[in-house]
Protein backbone atom coordinates (compact mmCIF):
# COMPACT_ATOMS: atom_id res chain seq x y z
CA UNK A 1 107.66 135.30 83.70
CA UNK A 2 109.44 134.73 80.41
CA UNK A 3 109.70 131.15 79.24
CA UNK A 4 111.24 130.10 75.94
CA UNK A 5 109.01 127.32 74.59
CA UNK A 6 109.50 125.63 71.22
CA UNK A 7 107.25 122.82 69.97
CA UNK A 8 106.12 121.99 73.48
CA UNK A 9 109.65 121.93 74.89
CA UNK A 10 110.46 124.44 77.60
CA UNK A 11 113.95 125.44 76.56
CA UNK A 12 114.79 128.17 79.06
CA UNK A 13 113.42 130.40 81.77
CA UNK A 14 114.62 133.80 80.65
CA UNK A 15 113.57 135.77 83.72
CA UNK A 16 114.24 134.55 87.25
CA UNK A 17 111.15 135.01 89.49
CA UNK A 18 110.06 133.62 92.91
CA UNK A 19 107.12 131.59 91.56
CA UNK A 20 106.78 129.80 88.23
CA UNK A 21 103.70 128.12 86.76
CA UNK A 22 104.56 126.13 83.67
CA UNK A 23 101.78 126.38 81.05
CA UNK A 24 99.86 123.29 79.89
CA UNK A 25 101.28 123.74 76.39
CA UNK A 26 104.58 122.32 77.70
CA UNK A 27 105.18 118.58 77.29
CA UNK A 28 108.91 118.51 78.08
CA UNK A 29 111.15 120.49 80.39
CA UNK A 30 114.44 120.67 78.56
CA UNK A 31 118.00 120.27 79.78
CA UNK A 32 119.10 123.09 82.10
CA UNK A 33 115.79 124.91 81.54
CA UNK A 34 115.84 126.51 85.00
CA UNK A 35 119.53 126.05 85.78
CA UNK A 36 120.69 128.82 88.10
CA UNK A 37 117.27 130.38 88.72
CA UNK A 38 118.23 131.32 92.25
CA UNK A 39 115.12 133.38 93.05
CA UNK A 40 112.60 130.64 92.24
CA UNK A 41 111.00 129.33 95.44
CA UNK A 42 108.20 127.30 93.87
CA UNK A 43 107.33 125.72 90.54
CA UNK A 44 104.05 124.22 89.34
CA UNK A 45 104.45 121.44 86.79
CA UNK A 46 101.26 120.57 84.84
CA UNK A 47 100.20 117.02 84.03
CA UNK A 48 100.94 117.62 80.36
CA UNK A 49 104.66 117.28 81.06
CA UNK A 50 106.09 113.83 80.33
CA UNK A 51 109.82 114.36 80.82
CA UNK A 52 112.21 116.52 82.82
CA UNK A 53 115.66 116.87 81.32
CA UNK A 54 119.13 116.61 82.81
CA UNK A 55 120.05 119.44 85.18
CA UNK A 56 116.64 121.04 84.57
CA UNK A 57 116.44 122.66 88.03
CA UNK A 58 120.10 122.64 88.99
CA UNK A 59 121.26 125.46 91.27
CA UNK A 60 117.72 126.63 92.05
CA UNK A 61 118.99 127.49 95.50
CA UNK A 62 115.71 128.99 96.78
CA UNK A 63 113.43 126.14 95.63
CA UNK A 64 111.78 124.57 98.67
CA UNK A 65 109.42 121.97 97.19
CA UNK A 66 108.59 120.13 94.00
CA UNK A 67 105.66 117.97 92.92
CA UNK A 68 106.33 115.80 89.89
CA UNK A 69 103.00 114.66 88.40
CA UNK A 70 102.13 111.11 87.38
CA UNK A 71 102.40 112.11 83.73
CA UNK A 72 106.19 112.42 83.99
CA UNK A 73 107.95 109.22 82.92
CA UNK A 74 111.55 110.45 82.74
CA UNK A 75 113.52 112.44 85.31
CA UNK A 76 116.99 113.30 84.06
CA UNK A 77 120.28 113.07 85.89
CA UNK A 78 121.25 115.87 88.26
CA UNK A 79 117.80 117.38 87.67
CA UNK A 80 117.71 119.02 91.12
CA UNK A 81 121.42 119.16 91.87
CA UNK A 82 122.46 121.75 94.46
CA UNK A 83 118.93 122.81 95.38
CA UNK A 84 120.08 123.43 98.92
CA UNK A 85 116.69 124.45 100.35
CA UNK A 86 114.66 121.71 98.70
CA UNK A 87 112.87 120.07 101.63
CA UNK A 88 109.84 118.37 100.08
CA UNK A 89 109.54 116.28 96.91
CA UNK A 90 106.62 114.23 95.66
CA UNK A 91 107.37 111.87 92.78
CA UNK A 92 104.46 110.56 90.76
CA UNK A 93 103.92 106.89 89.97
CA UNK A 94 104.51 107.32 86.23
CA UNK A 95 108.30 107.59 86.48
CA UNK A 96 110.07 104.73 84.69
CA UNK A 97 113.61 105.83 85.43
CA UNK A 98 115.27 108.40 87.67
CA UNK A 99 118.62 109.64 86.46
CA UNK A 100 121.96 109.59 88.24
CA UNK A 101 122.34 111.71 91.40
CA UNK A 102 119.10 113.55 90.70
CA UNK A 103 119.09 115.10 94.19
CA UNK A 104 122.82 115.51 94.66
CA UNK A 105 123.69 118.10 97.35
CA UNK A 106 120.03 118.61 98.31
CA UNK A 107 120.99 118.64 101.97
CA UNK A 108 117.62 119.86 103.25
CA UNK A 109 115.73 116.94 101.68
CA UNK A 110 114.97 114.69 104.68
CA UNK A 111 111.65 113.19 103.53
CA UNK A 112 110.23 112.48 100.11
CA UNK A 113 107.10 110.83 98.74
CA UNK A 114 107.29 108.24 95.99
CA UNK A 115 104.49 105.98 94.72
CA UNK A 116 102.29 107.30 97.51
CA UNK A 117 104.69 106.33 100.32
CA UNK A 118 106.50 108.98 102.36
CA UNK A 119 110.06 107.95 103.15
CA UNK A 120 112.37 109.45 105.74
CA UNK A 121 115.90 109.50 104.36
CA UNK A 122 118.02 107.03 106.33
CA UNK A 123 120.78 108.69 108.34
CA UNK A 124 123.34 106.52 106.55
CA UNK A 125 122.19 107.69 103.10
CA UNK A 126 123.64 110.64 101.25
CA UNK A 127 121.61 112.86 98.95
CA UNK A 128 122.91 111.09 95.85
CA UNK A 129 121.27 107.84 96.98
CA UNK A 130 117.75 109.28 97.13
CA UNK A 131 117.31 108.68 93.41
CA UNK A 132 118.46 105.08 93.84
CA UNK A 133 115.96 104.59 96.66
CA UNK A 134 113.16 106.00 94.51
CA UNK A 135 114.12 103.70 91.62
CA UNK A 136 114.04 100.68 93.95
CA UNK A 137 110.55 101.58 95.16
CA UNK A 138 109.12 102.44 91.75
CA UNK A 139 110.56 99.33 90.09
CA UNK A 140 109.85 97.13 93.13
CA UNK A 141 113.36 95.78 92.68
CA UNK A 142 114.39 95.02 96.26
CA UNK A 143 117.39 92.95 95.19
CA UNK A 144 119.12 96.03 93.79
CA UNK A 145 122.68 96.62 94.98
CA UNK A 146 122.67 99.19 97.77
CA UNK A 147 124.29 99.70 101.16
CA UNK A 148 122.57 97.25 103.53
CA UNK A 149 121.83 99.79 106.29
CA UNK A 150 120.26 102.17 103.77
CA UNK A 151 118.26 99.47 102.00
CA UNK A 152 116.99 97.86 105.20
CA UNK A 153 116.01 101.23 106.69
CA UNK A 154 113.89 101.93 103.61
CA UNK A 155 112.47 98.39 103.49
CA UNK A 156 111.41 98.73 107.12
CA UNK A 157 109.44 101.87 106.26
CA UNK A 158 107.81 100.15 103.28
CA UNK A 159 107.02 97.11 105.43
CA UNK A 160 105.29 99.27 108.04
CA UNK A 161 103.36 101.08 105.29
CA UNK A 162 102.10 97.79 103.78
CA UNK A 163 103.64 98.76 100.45
CA UNK A 164 103.74 96.14 97.67
CA UNK A 165 103.13 93.16 99.95
CA UNK A 166 103.04 90.83 96.94
CA UNK A 167 106.73 91.38 96.19
CA UNK A 168 108.18 92.93 99.33
CA UNK A 169 107.08 90.29 101.84
CA UNK A 170 108.66 87.35 99.96
CA UNK A 171 111.91 89.30 99.69
CA UNK A 172 111.90 90.08 103.42
CA UNK A 173 111.08 86.46 104.27
CA UNK A 174 113.94 85.20 102.11
CA UNK A 175 116.38 87.68 103.67
CA UNK A 176 114.85 87.77 107.13
CA UNK A 177 118.02 87.08 109.11
CA UNK A 178 119.76 90.19 107.75
CA UNK A 179 116.59 92.27 107.86
CA UNK A 180 115.68 91.39 111.44
CA UNK A 181 119.28 91.80 112.59
CA UNK A 182 119.10 95.35 111.26
CA UNK A 183 115.73 95.99 112.92
CA UNK A 184 117.04 94.86 116.29
CA UNK A 185 120.30 96.77 115.94
CA UNK A 186 118.48 99.97 115.05
CA UNK A 187 115.86 99.52 117.77
CA UNK A 188 112.92 99.43 115.38
CA UNK A 189 110.30 98.17 117.83
CA UNK A 190 107.36 98.86 115.50
CA UNK A 191 108.78 96.80 112.63
CA UNK A 192 109.70 93.90 114.92
CA UNK A 193 106.17 93.95 116.37
CA UNK A 194 104.71 93.89 112.86
CA UNK A 195 106.99 91.00 111.90
CA UNK A 196 105.64 89.09 114.90
CA UNK A 197 102.05 89.92 113.95
CA UNK A 198 102.45 88.33 110.52
CA UNK A 199 103.02 84.97 112.18
CA UNK A 200 105.17 83.95 109.23
CA UNK A 201 108.66 85.28 109.93
CA UNK A 202 109.70 84.09 113.38
CA UNK A 203 109.98 80.40 114.16
CA UNK A 204 111.23 78.08 116.88
CA UNK A 205 114.42 77.74 114.84
CA UNK A 206 115.33 81.43 114.66
CA UNK A 207 113.71 83.09 117.67
CA UNK A 208 116.48 82.30 120.18
CA UNK A 209 119.12 83.87 117.95
CA UNK A 210 117.14 87.10 117.72
CA UNK A 211 116.45 87.14 121.45
CA UNK A 212 120.18 86.89 122.05
CA UNK A 213 120.81 89.77 119.64
CA UNK A 214 118.28 91.92 121.50
CA UNK A 215 119.92 91.11 124.85
CA UNK A 216 123.44 91.82 123.58
CA UNK A 217 122.28 95.04 121.95
CA UNK A 218 120.48 96.31 125.03
CA UNK A 219 117.15 96.40 123.19
CA UNK A 220 114.87 95.66 126.15
CA UNK A 221 111.53 96.38 124.43
CA UNK A 222 112.41 94.14 121.51
CA UNK A 223 113.68 91.45 123.88
CA UNK A 224 110.33 91.40 125.71
CA UNK A 225 108.40 91.23 122.42
CA UNK A 226 110.51 88.34 121.17
CA UNK A 227 110.40 86.46 124.47
CA UNK A 228 106.62 86.71 124.56
CA UNK A 229 106.55 85.53 120.94
CA UNK A 230 108.67 82.52 121.88
CA UNK A 231 106.46 81.74 124.86
CA UNK A 232 103.39 81.69 122.60
CA UNK A 233 105.20 79.39 120.17
CA UNK A 234 106.06 76.98 122.95
CA UNK A 235 102.57 76.90 124.36
CA UNK A 236 102.50 79.49 127.12
CA UNK A 237 99.25 81.15 126.11
CA UNK A 238 98.16 82.65 129.46
CA UNK A 239 98.10 86.44 128.74
CA UNK A 240 98.67 87.24 132.43
CA UNK A 241 102.00 85.40 132.32
CA UNK A 242 103.42 87.56 129.55
CA UNK A 243 106.28 89.89 130.33
CA UNK A 244 105.41 93.57 130.27
CA UNK A 245 107.27 96.27 128.40
């Protein structure tokens, strides 16, 4: 392994090899440091690194996984562009900002872990949006502009994982009509059940509307959950009288 390092900055990998362990003397991975290292399947980034530059791992077509330690605060734009085999990424909690299209054309990346939560990429999302999703989670900025199906699919996963209840729950409560409409439309039985369990999201005012949505959408399991919820609200508390799934 031949790495060009100057004053703690990894400038360039000068010899393409299957496995790379970056030494602890490195504090920054510079722009395009590993660009085009097509043989590299794995890279170990030490917790001395605080920033990863633009296009740092672009075109590392054999790279299958990456773990970005908590020490990293900056992840540059297009840092993993066109890493076609990249299937697993863990992003530490120290990141303040993730650059534009950091995972562009990473078509194998279906799940990723950020701030300790593993997210399955929504089917409606493209690879460019993964960085935006990570920024939303890390910044806890749920009002960020994003396609509603993509945002709600991610929020549902965070909701089920009990992530950031202090900020996430008030946002969901404020936007519950849109959120629950998405849950019903996508058949997310688990998230609807959890929403019922909170006892704070469904009410006598909104329950009928959601029941109708479930009926019209052919979501039988959700319909039964909501009807039982309504029955409890209206005083039918006999467990034996509840509808069964």
